[in-house]
Amino acid sequence: MHSWSLLSSLAVVASAVAQPQPSAPSAAPAATPTVPYASDDPNYGLWTANSIDANPQPVRGGLGADLLGPQNIPLELENSNTLAPPTTDNGHV
């Protein structure tokens, strides 16, 4: 019975002293993004109320088309987002 307690105490001491070896940094996989990075484009309005000789159209880049009907240019100059909203706008309030 005495030898059993000696063996169990040695096992406890050995497990407390033994530590795993640290892994090398090269063993870790390279970091990769899980989502696309955010754009740095601030999506400014295409025109402002101070724009000179502006003809506001609902076109942003290659998206949109010219207006076919009458326009209220002074009103459209005041809020460019009604005709050409920023690309980050999803339409929900």
C-alpha atoms as a PDB file:
ATOM      1  CA  MET A   1       0.000   0.000   0.000  1.00  0.00           C
ATOM      2  CA  HIS A   2       2.938   2.241   0.659  1.00  0.00           C
ATOM      3  CA  SER A   3       4.335   1.725  -2.868  1.00  0.00           C
ATOM      4  CA  TRP A   4       0.971   2.699  -4.406  1.00  0.00           C
ATOM      5  CA  SER A   5       0.895   6.089  -2.691  1.00  0.00           C
ATOM      6  CA  LEU A   6       4.523   6.688  -3.651  1.00  0.00           C
ATOM      7  CA  LEU A   7       3.772   5.939  -7.327  1.00  0.00           C
ATOM      8  CA  SER A   8       0.674   8.116  -7.361  1.00  0.00           C
ATOM      9  CA  SER A   9       2.520  11.046  -5.771  1.00  0.00           C
ATOM     10  CA  LEU A  10       5.337  10.656  -8.328  1.00  0.00           C
ATOM     11  CA  ALA A  11       2.784  10.694 -11.139  1.00  0.00           C
ATOM     12  CA  VAL A  12       1.203  13.881  -9.787  1.00  0.00           C
ATOM     13  CA  VAL A  13       4.588  15.589  -9.461  1.00  0.00           C
ATOM     14  CA  ALA A  14       5.667  14.476 -12.937  1.00  0.00           C
ATOM     15  CA  SER A  15       2.481  15.778 -14.553  1.00  0.00           C
ATOM     16  CA  ALA A  16       2.799  19.121 -12.733  1.00  0.00           C
ATOM     17  CA  VAL A  17       6.415  19.581 -13.870  1.00  0.00           C
ATOM     18  CA  ALA A  18       6.026  18.365 -17.461  1.00  0.00           C
ATOM     19  CA  GLN A  19       5.105  21.118 -19.926  1.00  0.00           C
ATOM     20  CA  PRO A  20       4.493  20.781 -23.650  1.00  0.00           C
ATOM     21  CA  GLN A  21       7.038  22.317 -25.991  1.00  0.00           C
ATOM     22  CA  PRO A  22       5.837  25.507 -27.678  1.00  0.00           C
ATOM     23  CA  SER A  23       5.229  25.232 -31.411  1.00  0.00           C
ATOM     24  CA  ALA A  24       7.224  27.250 -33.895  1.00  0.00           C
ATOM     25  CA  PRO A  25       5.521  30.332 -35.380  1.00  0.00           C
ATOM     26  CA  SER A  26       6.001  28.871 -38.851  1.00  0.00           C
ATOM     27  CA  ALA A  27       3.650  26.019 -37.923  1.00  0.00           C
ATOM     28  CA  ALA A  28       0.652  28.382 -37.782  1.00  0.00           C
ATOM     29  CA  PRO A  29      -1.341  28.938 -40.995  1.00  0.00           C
ATOM     30  CA  ALA A  30      -1.069  32.332 -42.669  1.00  0.00           C
ATOM     31  CA  ALA A  31      -3.709  34.901 -41.705  1.00  0.00           C
ATOM     32  CA  THR A  32      -6.469  35.426 -44.263  1.00  0.00           C
ATOM     33  CA  PRO A  33      -9.453  37.807 -44.195  1.00  0.00           C
ATOM     34  CA  THR A  34     -12.834  36.194 -43.612  1.00  0.00           C
ATOM     35  CA  VAL A  35     -14.763  39.044 -45.250  1.00  0.00           C
ATOM     36  CA  PRO A  36     -13.790  41.535 -47.973  1.00  0.00           C
ATOM     37  CA  TYR A  37     -12.101  44.675 -46.759  1.00  0.00           C
ATOM     38  CA  ALA A  38     -14.241  47.820 -46.535  1.00  0.00           C
ATOM     39  CA  SER A  39     -13.866  50.374 -49.293  1.00  0.00           C
ATOM     40  CA  ASP A  40     -12.057  53.641 -48.636  1.00  0.00           C
ATOM     41  CA  ASP A  41     -14.299  55.376 -51.196  1.00  0.00           C
ATOM     42  CA  PRO A  42     -16.333  57.988 -49.264  1.00  0.00           C
ATOM     43  CA  ASN A  43     -19.145  57.978 -51.907  1.00  0.00           C
ATOM     44  CA  TYR A  44     -19.474  61.743 -52.082  1.00  0.00           C
ATOM     45  CA  GLY A  45     -22.402  63.244 -53.953  1.00  0.00           C
ATOM     46  CA  LEU A  46     -21.908  63.689 -57.669  1.00  0.00           C
ATOM     47  CA  TRP A  47     -23.003  67.325 -57.508  1.00  0.00           C
ATOM     48  CA  THR A  48     -23.918  69.943 -54.909  1.00  0.00           C
ATOM     49  CA  ALA A  49     -26.177  72.978 -54.766  1.00  0.00           C
ATOM     50  CA  ASN A  50     -23.089  75.070 -55.638  1.00  0.00           C
ATOM     51  CA  SER A  51     -22.290  73.110 -58.817  1.00  0.00           C
ATOM     52  CA  ILE A  52     -22.024  75.287 -61.900  1.00  0.00           C
ATOM     53  CA  ASP A  53     -23.546  74.165 -65.221  1.00  0.00           C
ATOM     54  CA  ALA A  54     -24.642  70.852 -63.721  1.00  0.00           C
ATOM     55  CA  ASN A  55     -27.244  68.697 -65.408  1.00  0.00           C
ATOM     56  CA  PRO A  56     -28.142  66.123 -62.716  1.00  0.00           C
ATOM     57  CA  GLN A  57     -28.836  62.671 -64.117  1.00  0.00           C
ATOM     58  CA  PRO A  58     -29.490  59.373 -62.296  1.00  0.00           C
ATOM     59  CA  VAL A  59     -26.149  57.935 -63.430  1.00  0.00           C
ATOM     60  CA  ARG A  60     -23.303  56.721 -61.210  1.00  0.00           C
ATOM     61  CA  GLY A  61     -20.422  55.225 -63.136  1.00  0.00           C
ATOM     62  CA  GLY A  62     -21.794  52.761 -65.676  1.00  0.00           C
ATOM     63  CA  LEU A  63     -25.128  52.399 -63.866  1.00  0.00           C
ATOM     64  CA  GLY A  64     -28.258  54.389 -64.678  1.00  0.00           C
ATOM     65  CA  ALA A  65     -29.635  56.313 -67.657  1.00  0.00           C
ATOM     66  CA  ASP A  66     -30.556  59.852 -68.694  1.00  0.00           C
ATOM     67  CA  LEU A  67     -33.895  61.314 -67.598  1.00  0.00           C
ATOM     68  CA  LEU A  68     -36.454  61.484 -70.408  1.00  0.00           C
ATOM     69  CA  GLY A  69     -38.948  63.840 -68.763  1.00  0.00           C
ATOM     70  CA  PRO A  70     -38.906  67.359 -67.326  1.00  0.00           C
ATOM     71  CA  GLN A  71     -36.467  68.206 -64.541  1.00  0.00           C
ATOM     72  CA  ASN A  72     -36.436  70.590 -61.595  1.00  0.00           C
ATOM     73  CA  ILE A  73     -32.673  71.210 -61.690  1.00  0.00           C
ATOM     74  CA  PRO A  74     -32.473  73.571 -58.657  1.00  0.00           C
ATOM     75  CA  LEU A  75     -34.265  70.970 -56.507  1.00  0.00           C
ATOM     76  CA  GLU A  76     -32.165  68.077 -57.835  1.00  0.00           C
ATOM     77  CA  LEU A  77     -28.956  70.027 -57.130  1.00  0.00           C
ATOM     78  CA  GLU A  78     -29.952  70.340 -53.462  1.00  0.00           C
ATOM     79  CA  ASN A  79     -30.001  66.567 -52.870  1.00  0.00           C
ATOM     80  CA  SER A  80     -27.877  64.503 -55.212  1.00  0.00           C
ATOM     81  CA  ASN A  81     -28.727  61.268 -53.391  1.00  0.00           C
ATOM     82  CA  THR A  82     -32.281  61.193 -54.781  1.00  0.00           C
ATOM     83  CA  LEU A  83     -31.062  60.662 -58.350  1.00  0.00           C
ATOM     84  CA  ALA A  84     -27.725  58.932 -57.776  1.00  0.00           C
ATOM     85  CA  PRO A  85     -27.600  57.409 -54.274  1.00  0.00           C
ATOM     86  CA  PRO A  86     -24.261  56.253 -52.865  1.00  0.00           C
ATOM     87  CA  THR A  87     -23.321  52.660 -53.568  1.00  0.00           C
ATOM     88  CA  THR A  88     -23.393  51.970 -49.822  1.00  0.00           C
ATOM     89  CA  ASP A  89     -27.096  52.881 -49.574  1.00  0.00           C
ATOM     90  CA  ASN A  90     -29.283  49.776 -49.333  1.00  0.00           C
ATOM     91  CA  GLY A  91     -32.571  51.720 -49.336  1.00  0.00           C
ATOM     92  CA  HIS A  92     -33.599  50.988 -45.719  1.00  0.00           C
ATOM     93  CA  VAL A  93     -33.928  53.575 -42.992  1.00  0.00           C
END
